[in-house]
Protein backbone atom coordinates (compact mmCIF):
# COMPACT_ATOMS: atom_id res chain seq x y z
CA MET A 1 -112.44 207.68 88.11
CA ILE A 2 -111.14 206.37 91.39
CA SER A 3 -108.09 208.37 92.39
CA LEU A 4 -106.09 211.52 92.03
CA ARG A 5 -103.90 209.64 89.54
CA CYS A 6 -106.97 209.07 87.36
CA LYS A 7 -107.86 212.75 87.56
CA LEU A 8 -104.37 213.72 86.42
CA ILE A 9 -104.52 211.26 83.52
CA VAL A 10 -107.84 212.72 82.36
CA GLU A 11 -106.50 216.28 82.58
CA GLU A 12 -103.41 215.29 80.57
CA GLU A 13 -105.48 213.58 77.86
CA LEU A 14 -107.78 216.62 77.62
CA LYS A 15 -104.75 218.87 77.15
CA LYS A 16 -103.23 216.56 74.51
CA LEU A 17 -106.46 216.73 72.52
CA ASP A 18 -106.79 220.49 73.12
CA VAL A 19 -110.27 219.95 74.56
CA PRO A 20 -111.37 223.00 76.57
CA TYR A 21 -112.59 222.16 80.08
CA LEU A 22 -113.32 224.00 83.30
CA THR A 23 -112.77 221.33 85.95
CA VAL A 24 -111.95 217.68 86.35
CA GLU A 25 -113.21 216.12 89.54
CA LEU A 26 -113.29 212.50 90.56
CA GLY A 27 -115.97 211.06 88.30
CA LYS A 28 -116.85 214.29 86.49
CA ILE A 29 -115.54 216.57 83.72
CA GLU A 30 -117.04 220.01 83.27
CA PHE A 31 -116.43 221.21 79.71
CA SER A 32 -116.27 224.93 78.93
CA GLU A 33 -118.03 224.28 75.63
CA ASN A 34 -119.59 221.35 73.81
CA ILE A 35 -117.07 218.96 72.35
CA SER A 36 -117.39 217.33 68.95
CA LEU A 37 -118.21 213.67 68.52
CA GLN A 38 -114.72 213.18 67.07
CA GLN A 39 -113.10 214.76 70.18
CA ARG A 40 -115.29 212.67 72.46
CA ASN A 41 -114.42 209.45 70.60
CA GLN A 42 -110.71 210.27 70.66
CA LEU A 43 -110.86 211.10 74.38
CA GLU A 44 -112.71 207.85 75.03
CA GLU A 45 -110.07 205.90 73.05
CA ASN A 46 -107.16 207.62 74.85
CA LEU A 47 -108.69 207.04 78.28
CA SER A 48 -109.39 203.37 77.52
CA LYS A 49 -105.62 202.85 77.09
CA TRP A 50 -105.33 203.81 80.77
CA GLY A 51 -108.20 201.53 81.79
CA LEU A 52 -110.59 204.47 82.18
CA GLU A 53 -113.94 205.05 80.54
CA LEU A 54 -116.36 207.89 79.90
CA LEU A 55 -119.80 207.43 81.37
CA ASP A 56 -122.95 209.06 80.05
CA ASP A 57 -125.51 206.89 81.79
CA LYS A 58 -126.84 208.65 84.92
CA LYS A 59 -126.97 205.37 86.85
CA ASN A 60 -123.33 204.57 86.14
CA ILE A 61 -122.29 208.11 86.99
CA LEU A 62 -124.06 207.84 90.35
CA ILE A 63 -122.46 204.42 90.96
CA GLU A 64 -119.02 205.96 90.33
CA LYS A 65 -119.85 208.73 92.80
CA ILE A 66 -120.86 206.15 95.41
CA LYS A 67 -117.63 204.22 94.84
CA ASN A 68 -115.58 207.42 95.08
CA VAL A 69 -117.19 208.41 98.39
CA VAL A 70 -116.56 204.95 99.88
CA ILE A 71 -112.95 204.87 98.65
CA GLU A 72 -112.36 208.42 99.85
CA ILE A 73 -113.63 207.80 103.39
CA VAL A 74 -112.06 204.36 103.81
CA HIS A 75 -108.68 204.89 102.14
CA TYR A 76 -107.92 208.60 102.17
CA SER A 77 -109.55 210.12 105.25
CA ASP A 78 -107.52 210.30 108.42
CA GLU A 79 -110.70 210.80 110.38
CA LEU A 80 -113.67 208.67 109.43
CA PRO A 81 -117.05 210.36 109.76
CA LYS A 82 -118.64 210.29 113.21
CA MET A 83 -121.88 209.02 111.64
CA ASN A 84 -122.37 205.59 110.14
CA TYR A 85 -121.40 204.97 106.51
CA SER A 86 -124.95 204.84 105.21
CA ASP A 87 -125.84 208.27 106.65
CA TYR A 88 -122.57 209.75 105.45
CA ILE A 89 -122.94 208.44 101.88
CA SER A 90 -126.57 209.53 101.76
CA GLU A 91 -125.74 213.02 103.04
CA LYS A 92 -122.69 213.42 100.80
CA LEU A 93 -124.59 212.47 97.62
CA GLY A 94 -127.99 213.91 98.52
CA TYR A 95 -129.95 210.69 97.96
CA ASN A 96 -131.82 208.29 100.20
CA TYR A 97 -129.48 205.46 101.24
CA THR A 98 -132.02 202.75 100.37
CA TYR A 99 -132.21 204.11 96.82
CA LEU A 100 -128.40 204.27 96.54
CA SER A 101 -128.00 200.78 97.98
CA ASN A 102 -130.61 199.23 95.69
CA LEU A 103 -129.15 200.98 92.64
CA PHE A 104 -125.64 199.85 93.57
CA SER A 105 -126.75 196.22 93.97
CA GLU A 106 -128.66 196.31 90.69
CA VAL A 107 -125.74 197.70 88.68
CA LYS A 108 -122.71 196.13 90.41
CA GLY A 109 -124.12 192.75 91.44
CA ILE A 110 -122.94 193.12 95.05
CA THR A 111 -124.46 195.08 97.88
CA LEU A 112 -123.12 198.47 98.84
CA GLN A 113 -122.41 197.06 102.29
CA GLN A 114 -120.26 194.30 100.74
CA PHE A 115 -118.37 196.93 98.73
CA ILE A 116 -117.70 198.93 101.91
CA ILE A 117 -116.53 195.81 103.75
CA ILE A 118 -114.17 194.84 100.92
CA HIS A 119 -112.59 198.28 101.01
CA LYS A 120 -112.38 198.32 104.79
CA ILE A 121 -110.56 194.97 104.70
CA GLU A 122 -108.17 196.32 102.05
CA ARG A 123 -107.48 199.25 104.34
CA VAL A 124 -106.91 196.88 107.29
CA LYS A 125 -104.35 195.00 105.16
CA GLU A 126 -102.51 198.25 104.43
CA LEU A 127 -102.50 199.28 108.07
CA LEU A 128 -101.28 195.86 109.19
CA LEU A 129 -98.37 196.05 106.76
CA TYR A 130 -97.41 199.58 107.86
CA ASN A 131 -97.08 198.11 111.35
CA GLU A 132 -97.85 201.50 112.95
CA LEU A 133 -101.14 200.52 114.58
CA ASN A 134 -102.15 197.44 116.50
CA LEU A 135 -105.40 195.60 115.74
CA THR A 136 -107.31 197.42 118.49
CA GLU A 137 -106.30 200.78 117.05
CA ILE A 138 -107.15 199.66 113.53
CA ALA A 139 -110.58 198.45 114.69
CA TYR A 140 -111.23 201.81 116.33
CA LYS A 141 -109.94 203.79 113.34
CA LEU A 142 -112.22 201.92 110.91
CA HIS A 143 -115.29 202.03 113.19
CA TYR A 144 -115.46 198.34 114.03
CA SER A 145 -117.47 197.58 117.16
CA SER A 146 -114.69 195.28 118.39
CA VAL A 147 -111.45 193.59 117.42
CA SER A 148 -113.31 190.30 117.18
CA HIS A 149 -115.79 191.81 114.67
CA LEU A 150 -112.88 193.10 112.57
CA SER A 151 -111.13 189.70 112.78
CA TYR A 152 -114.34 187.88 111.81
CA GLN A 153 -114.88 190.08 108.74
CA PHE A 154 -111.21 189.90 107.80
CA LYS A 155 -111.21 186.11 107.89
CA LYS A 156 -114.52 185.93 106.02
CA VAL A 157 -113.12 188.08 103.19
CA THR A 158 -109.50 186.86 103.03
CA GLY A 159 -109.71 183.37 104.49
CA LEU A 160 -107.00 184.30 107.00
CA SER A 161 -106.96 185.86 110.43
CA PRO A 162 -105.30 189.30 110.60
CA SER A 163 -102.35 187.89 112.56
CA VAL A 164 -101.76 185.04 110.07
CA TYR A 165 -102.04 187.50 107.16
CA LYS A 166 -99.50 189.82 108.75
CA GLU A 167 -97.14 186.93 109.54
CA LEU A 168 -97.33 185.63 105.95
CA LYS A 169 -96.60 189.07 104.53
CA GLU A 170 -93.68 189.60 106.91
CA ASN A 171 -92.22 186.17 106.07
CA ARG A 172 -92.61 186.87 102.37
CA LYS A 173 -90.93 190.26 102.77
CA GLY A 174 -88.10 188.66 104.76
CA ASN A 175 -87.59 186.00 102.11
CA LEU A 176 -87.35 188.64 99.37
CA GLU A 177 -84.74 190.57 101.38
CA ASN A 178 -82.60 187.43 101.73
CA VAL A 179 -82.49 186.85 97.98
């Protein structure tokens, strides 16, 4: 599960099926009692309609936890941790970062660092469109060492500089308003 919306969907599906549970957290359901194979299959089928899946494999569960931590700190935290991402993820999940990084690469086919960068760039896009922060403030907020480092990564991922991206989005928005 990735977001609060996903959590609410899971809770709703559990209620529809009258499956007793204690808690639903991002990436984890704690059942109050064992559920039948039929209930599990029905839950799995209902969740798949929403694009969600049940995970039993410990590796995949840990990967989901890693993804949730990255998404949480990049997209939903007003204050990013004062420590670097690798230390934060390691501390939050209670595993050595090298182990987490190797596992992530093995299962997802991209490095954990690439995953973090992709999400940071997505966050930069959002912040550019909100037009509340300038590039210097965005670089500081997302722990970039400089505006040029942010711009370099942005262009590497999107193919556009931040200013060109923002201009294109503003022109597109203006064109839609004139229709």
